[in-house]
Amino acid sequence: MSALTLYQIVALILLCAGLFGLTQRRSLVGMLISVELMLNGAGLSMVAAAQLTDFSAVLGQLGTLFVMGLAAAEATLVLAMVVVVARRFKSAKSSDITTLKE
């Protein structure tokens, strides 16, 4: 088994763990962590593929930096929304927030 295959398997495990967490978690922060896991799996896959194939390593690293920046921006926005929802509904659980009306 090649090193690239091992990296891709680990990335797939991260993706599956994030997907499972996203569907099973009830808190919004838990869902955010799950999405971050999925994005980290995508970044790992990109870097591994760029480093271990004939593809340009620099482009793979730049793509991963873009994914990391996207994840940081997404985390900032989602945490701000969680704070607003928690203040308004007195809970950060997704099951308690079924309707968003005045």
Protein backbone atom coordinates (compact mmCIF):
# COMPACT_ATOMS: atom_id res chain seq x y z
CA MET A 1 0.00 0.00 0.00
CA SER A 2 1.48 3.35 -1.02
CA ALA A 3 1.84 6.39 1.20
CA LEU A 4 -0.69 8.30 -0.90
CA THR A 5 -3.29 5.60 -0.31
CA LEU A 6 -2.70 5.77 3.45
CA TYR A 7 -3.09 9.55 3.46
CA GLN A 8 -6.27 9.31 1.41
CA ILE A 9 -7.69 6.71 3.82
CA VAL A 10 -6.96 8.98 6.78
CA ALA A 11 -8.58 11.89 4.92
CA LEU A 12 -11.62 9.71 4.20
CA ILE A 13 -11.84 8.75 7.88
CA LEU A 14 -11.78 12.43 8.84
CA LEU A 15 -14.47 13.16 6.28
CA CYS A 16 -16.66 10.29 7.53
CA ALA A 17 -16.15 11.28 11.17
CA GLY A 18 -17.16 14.84 10.33
CA LEU A 19 -20.20 13.70 8.39
CA PHE A 20 -21.26 11.40 11.23
CA GLY A 21 -20.78 14.19 13.76
CA LEU A 22 -22.73 16.62 11.63
CA THR A 23 -25.72 14.29 11.45
CA GLN A 24 -25.59 13.08 15.06
CA ARG A 25 -24.61 16.17 17.04
CA ARG A 26 -27.34 18.24 18.62
CA SER A 27 -25.36 21.32 19.58
CA LEU A 28 -24.41 23.93 17.03
CA VAL A 29 -20.81 24.05 18.28
CA GLY A 30 -20.53 20.26 17.83
CA MET A 31 -21.79 20.65 14.28
CA LEU A 32 -19.17 23.34 13.67
CA ILE A 33 -16.41 21.04 14.90
CA SER A 34 -17.69 18.33 12.58
CA VAL A 35 -17.54 20.66 9.57
CA GLU A 36 -13.99 21.60 10.57
CA LEU A 37 -13.07 17.90 10.61
CA MET A 38 -14.44 17.53 7.10
CA LEU A 39 -12.47 20.54 5.86
CA ASN A 40 -9.28 19.22 7.49
CA GLY A 41 -9.80 15.92 5.69
CA ALA A 42 -10.09 17.79 2.40
CA GLY A 43 -6.92 19.76 3.14
CA LEU A 44 -5.00 16.62 4.03
CA SER A 45 -6.12 14.97 0.82
CA MET A 46 -5.01 17.95 -1.25
CA VAL A 47 -1.57 18.22 0.35
CA ALA A 48 -0.93 14.48 0.16
CA ALA A 49 -1.96 14.32 -3.49
CA ALA A 50 0.21 17.32 -4.37
CA GLN A 51 3.28 16.08 -2.49
CA LEU A 52 3.16 12.44 -3.57
CA THR A 53 2.26 12.79 -7.25
CA ASP A 54 3.65 14.73 -10.21
CA PHE A 55 1.31 17.62 -9.46
CA SER A 56 2.88 20.88 -8.31
CA ALA A 57 3.45 20.78 -4.54
CA VAL A 58 3.17 24.55 -4.31
CA LEU A 59 -0.30 24.56 -5.87
CA GLY A 60 -1.42 21.85 -3.46
CA GLN A 61 -0.15 23.83 -0.50
CA LEU A 62 -1.81 27.00 -1.78
CA GLY A 63 -5.08 25.14 -2.20
CA THR A 64 -4.83 23.84 1.34
CA LEU A 65 -4.10 27.32 2.65
CA PHE A 66 -7.24 28.49 0.87
CA VAL A 67 -9.24 25.69 2.54
CA MET A 68 -7.79 26.64 5.93
CA GLY A 69 -8.68 30.29 5.38
CA LEU A 70 -12.17 29.30 4.34
CA ALA A 71 -12.49 27.16 7.47
CA ALA A 72 -11.35 30.03 9.69
CA ALA A 73 -13.82 32.45 8.11
CA GLU A 74 -16.61 29.88 8.37
CA ALA A 75 -15.81 29.24 12.03
CA THR A 76 -15.89 32.95 12.81
CA LEU A 77 -19.26 33.47 11.14
CA VAL A 78 -20.85 30.36 12.63
CA LEU A 79 -19.63 31.16 16.15
CA ALA A 80 -21.08 34.66 15.82
CA MET A 81 -24.40 33.15 14.75
CA VAL A 82 -24.28 30.67 17.65
CA VAL A 83 -23.78 33.53 20.11
CA VAL A 84 -26.78 35.41 18.68
CA VAL A 85 -28.97 32.29 18.68
CA ALA A 86 -27.88 31.34 22.21
CA ARG A 87 -28.71 34.81 23.52
CA ARG A 88 -32.08 34.86 21.81
CA PHE A 89 -33.26 31.30 22.47
CA LYS A 90 -31.25 30.66 25.67
CA SER A 91 -29.92 27.45 24.09
CA ALA A 92 -27.34 26.38 21.52
CA LYS A 93 -28.96 23.02 20.77
CA SER A 94 -30.30 22.58 17.27
CA SER A 95 -33.37 20.67 18.52
CA ASP A 96 -34.47 23.66 20.63
CA ILE A 97 -34.29 25.99 17.65
CA THR A 98 -36.93 24.69 15.30
CA THR A 99 -38.44 27.96 14.20
CA LEU A 100 -36.73 31.27 13.79
CA LYS A 101 -39.51 33.78 14.07
CA GLU A 102 -40.00 36.98 16.05
